[in-house]
């Protein structure tokens, strides 16, 4: 699976493919200019659309280019999933559990 194009506000955006462009660029559009939703959805596949009302953010339109993008977005915004990930990370920091890399490395070569 490729790295997700989405990131949470609490995380820092990361450049992709060696470019200096940040993941998930955003374009602001006044809500009064949002007439053609189909066109905006196509545009949102390339960049997140932030709708503004009187110059202030009022909503967001995020487009998906694939079902994988949709799946990644759902996971990254699912509080239950995020809590489980944080629990697993805390366990690893306390020395409990096995890192995926270690589990793969310990498997016999013929099982890979």
C-alpha atoms as a PDB file:
ATOM      1  CA  UNK A   1       0.000   0.000   0.000  1.00  0.00           C
ATOM      2  CA  UNK A   2       1.316   3.434  -0.862  1.00  0.00           C
ATOM      3  CA  UNK A   3       1.561   6.182   1.749  1.00  0.00           C
ATOM      4  CA  UNK A   4      -1.706   7.982   2.240  1.00  0.00           C
ATOM      5  CA  UNK A   5      -2.230  11.418   0.736  1.00  0.00           C
ATOM      6  CA  UNK A   6      -4.114  12.404   3.877  1.00  0.00           C
ATOM      7  CA  UNK A   7      -2.721  13.610   7.156  1.00  0.00           C
ATOM      8  CA  UNK A   8      -4.232  14.672  10.420  1.00  0.00           C
ATOM      9  CA  UNK A   9      -3.907  18.244  11.623  1.00  0.00           C
ATOM     10  CA  UNK A  10      -1.797  17.036  14.540  1.00  0.00           C
ATOM     11  CA  UNK A  11       0.804  15.583  12.172  1.00  0.00           C
ATOM     12  CA  UNK A  12       3.261  17.392   9.954  1.00  0.00           C
ATOM     13  CA  UNK A  13       2.673  17.040   6.205  1.00  0.00           C
ATOM     14  CA  UNK A  14       5.459  15.201   4.427  1.00  0.00           C
ATOM     15  CA  UNK A  15       6.852  15.826   0.938  1.00  0.00           C
ATOM     16  CA  UNK A  16       6.272  12.901  -1.423  1.00  0.00           C
ATOM     17  CA  UNK A  17       8.257  11.452  -4.323  1.00  0.00           C
ATOM     18  CA  UNK A  18      11.285  13.581  -3.504  1.00  0.00           C
ATOM     19  CA  UNK A  19       9.447  16.791  -4.340  1.00  0.00           C
ATOM     20  CA  UNK A  20       9.135  19.865  -2.169  1.00  0.00           C
ATOM     21  CA  UNK A  21       5.343  19.836  -2.582  1.00  0.00           C
ATOM     22  CA  UNK A  22       3.450  19.025   0.584  1.00  0.00           C
ATOM     23  CA  UNK A  23       0.926  16.232   0.673  1.00  0.00           C
ATOM     24  CA  UNK A  24      -2.680  17.312   0.437  1.00  0.00           C
ATOM     25  CA  UNK A  25      -2.489  20.882  -0.917  1.00  0.00           C
ATOM     26  CA  UNK A  26      -5.545  23.015  -0.151  1.00  0.00           C
ATOM     27  CA  UNK A  27      -7.440  25.497  -2.255  1.00  0.00           C
ATOM     28  CA  UNK A  28      -9.879  27.973  -0.744  1.00  0.00           C
ATOM     29  CA  UNK A  29     -13.108  28.692  -2.613  1.00  0.00           C
ATOM     30  CA  UNK A  30     -15.850  31.056  -1.451  1.00  0.00           C
ATOM     31  CA  UNK A  31     -19.019  29.055  -0.799  1.00  0.00           C
ATOM     32  CA  UNK A  32     -20.901  31.422  -3.111  1.00  0.00           C
ATOM     33  CA  UNK A  33     -18.662  30.220  -6.003  1.00  0.00           C
ATOM     34  CA  UNK A  34     -19.385  26.517  -5.389  1.00  0.00           C
ATOM     35  CA  UNK A  35     -21.911  25.882  -8.153  1.00  0.00           C
ATOM     36  CA  UNK A  36     -20.604  22.835 -10.068  1.00  0.00           C
ATOM     37  CA  UNK A  37     -20.130  20.030  -7.536  1.00  0.00           C
ATOM     38  CA  UNK A  38     -19.003  17.529 -10.175  1.00  0.00           C
ATOM     39  CA  UNK A  39     -16.189  19.853 -11.282  1.00  0.00           C
ATOM     40  CA  UNK A  40     -15.213  20.520  -7.674  1.00  0.00           C
ATOM     41  CA  UNK A  41     -15.071  16.771  -6.903  1.00  0.00           C
ATOM     42  CA  UNK A  42     -12.716  16.217  -9.845  1.00  0.00           C
ATOM     43  CA  UNK A  43     -10.558  19.090  -8.598  1.00  0.00           C
ATOM     44  CA  UNK A  44     -10.688  17.687  -5.046  1.00  0.00           C
ATOM     45  CA  UNK A  45      -9.009  14.500  -6.307  1.00  0.00           C
ATOM     46  CA  UNK A  46      -5.860  16.614  -6.732  1.00  0.00           C
ATOM     47  CA  UNK A  47      -6.209  19.011  -3.796  1.00  0.00           C
ATOM     48  CA  UNK A  48      -8.462  19.474  -0.798  1.00  0.00           C
ATOM     49  CA  UNK A  49     -11.060  22.196  -1.328  1.00  0.00           C
ATOM     50  CA  UNK A  50     -11.732  24.475   1.658  1.00  0.00           C
ATOM     51  CA  UNK A  51     -15.006  26.360   1.342  1.00  0.00           C
ATOM     52  CA  UNK A  52     -15.072  29.771   2.953  1.00  0.00           C
ATOM     53  CA  UNK A  53     -17.953  31.863   4.180  1.00  0.00           C
ATOM     54  CA  UNK A  54     -17.163  35.564   4.519  1.00  0.00           C
ATOM     55  CA  UNK A  55     -13.474  34.703   4.202  1.00  0.00           C
ATOM     56  CA  UNK A  56     -13.469  32.146   7.040  1.00  0.00           C
ATOM     57  CA  UNK A  57     -13.200  28.351   6.632  1.00  0.00           C
ATOM     58  CA  UNK A  58     -16.682  26.808   6.594  1.00  0.00           C
ATOM     59  CA  UNK A  59     -16.211  23.294   5.205  1.00  0.00           C
ATOM     60  CA  UNK A  60     -13.935  20.900   3.368  1.00  0.00           C
ATOM     61  CA  UNK A  61     -14.321  18.769   0.244  1.00  0.00           C
ATOM     62  CA  UNK A  62     -11.901  15.856  -0.095  1.00  0.00           C
ATOM     63  CA  UNK A  63     -11.840  13.813  -3.299  1.00  0.00           C
ATOM     64  CA  UNK A  64     -10.648  10.233  -3.680  1.00  0.00           C
ATOM     65  CA  UNK A  65      -8.931   8.829  -6.763  1.00  0.00           C
ATOM     66  CA  UNK A  66      -9.328   5.215  -5.654  1.00  0.00           C
ATOM     67  CA  UNK A  67     -11.046   2.989  -3.125  1.00  0.00           C
ATOM     68  CA  UNK A  68      -7.680   2.730  -1.330  1.00  0.00           C
ATOM     69  CA  UNK A  69      -7.725   6.516  -0.814  1.00  0.00           C
ATOM     70  CA  UNK A  70     -11.238   6.232   0.647  1.00  0.00           C
ATOM     71  CA  UNK A  71     -10.164   3.342   2.920  1.00  0.00           C
ATOM     72  CA  UNK A  72      -7.087   5.276   4.121  1.00  0.00           C
ATOM     73  CA  UNK A  73      -9.199   8.344   4.838  1.00  0.00           C
ATOM     74  CA  UNK A  74     -11.737   6.323   6.834  1.00  0.00           C
ATOM     75  CA  UNK A  75      -9.002   4.689   8.926  1.00  0.00           C
ATOM     76  CA  UNK A  76      -7.160   7.939   9.569  1.00  0.00           C
ATOM     77  CA  UNK A  77     -10.364   9.546  10.842  1.00  0.00           C
ATOM     78  CA  UNK A  78     -11.677   6.601  12.891  1.00  0.00           C
ATOM     79  CA  UNK A  79     -11.122   7.390  16.578  1.00  0.00           C
ATOM     80  CA  UNK A  80     -11.369   3.710  17.579  1.00  0.00           C
ATOM     81  CA  UNK A  81      -8.642   2.748  15.103  1.00  0.00           C
ATOM     82  CA  UNK A  82      -6.423   5.654  16.166  1.00  0.00           C
ATOM     83  CA  UNK A  83      -6.815   4.688  19.845  1.00  0.00           C
ATOM     84  CA  UNK A  84      -5.809   1.082  19.067  1.00  0.00           C
ATOM     85  CA  UNK A  85      -2.719   2.274  17.184  1.00  0.00           C
ATOM     86  CA  UNK A  86      -1.720   4.496  20.109  1.00  0.00           C
ATOM     87  CA  UNK A  87      -2.255   1.619  22.564  1.00  0.00           C
ATOM     88  CA  UNK A  88      -0.018  -0.611  20.436  1.00  0.00           C
ATOM     89  CA  UNK A  89       2.672   2.076  20.272  1.00  0.00           C
ATOM     90  CA  UNK A  90       2.598   2.520  24.060  1.00  0.00           C
ATOM     91  CA  UNK A  91       2.955  -1.255  24.506  1.00  0.00           C
ATOM     92  CA  UNK A  92       5.956  -1.301  22.179  1.00  0.00           C
ATOM     93  CA  UNK A  93       7.573   1.603  24.055  1.00  0.00           C
ATOM     94  CA  UNK A  94       7.155  -0.377  27.295  1.00  0.00           C
ATOM     95  CA  UNK A  95       8.895  -3.328  25.652  1.00  0.00           C
ATOM     96  CA  UNK A  96       5.751  -5.419  25.212  1.00  0.00           C
ATOM     97  CA  UNK A  97       4.729  -6.930  21.917  1.00  0.00           C
ATOM     98  CA  UNK A  98       6.732  -7.558  18.766  1.00  0.00           C
ATOM     99  CA  UNK A  99       7.424  -5.069  16.005  1.00  0.00           C
ATOM    100  CA  UNK A 100       6.247  -6.199  12.569  1.00  0.00           C
ATOM    101  CA  UNK A 101       9.787  -5.905  11.205  1.00  0.00           C
ATOM    102  CA  UNK A 102      11.077  -8.205  13.961  1.00  0.00           C
ATOM    103  CA  UNK A 103       8.313 -10.733  13.378  1.00  0.00           C
ATOM    104  CA  UNK A 104       9.060 -10.834   9.650  1.00  0.00           C
ATOM    105  CA  UNK A 105      12.801 -11.101  10.255  1.00  0.00           C
ATOM    106  CA  UNK A 106      12.331 -14.035  12.641  1.00  0.00           C
ATOM    107  CA  UNK A 107      10.264 -16.095  10.173  1.00  0.00           C
ATOM    108  CA  UNK A 108      12.093 -18.928   8.402  1.00  0.00           C
ATOM    109  CA  UNK A 109      13.156 -17.868   4.895  1.00  0.00           C
ATOM    110  CA  UNK A 110      10.941 -20.502   3.184  1.00  0.00           C
ATOM    111  CA  UNK A 111       7.770 -18.946   4.700  1.00  0.00           C
ATOM    112  CA  UNK A 112       8.352 -15.473   3.205  1.00  0.00           C
END
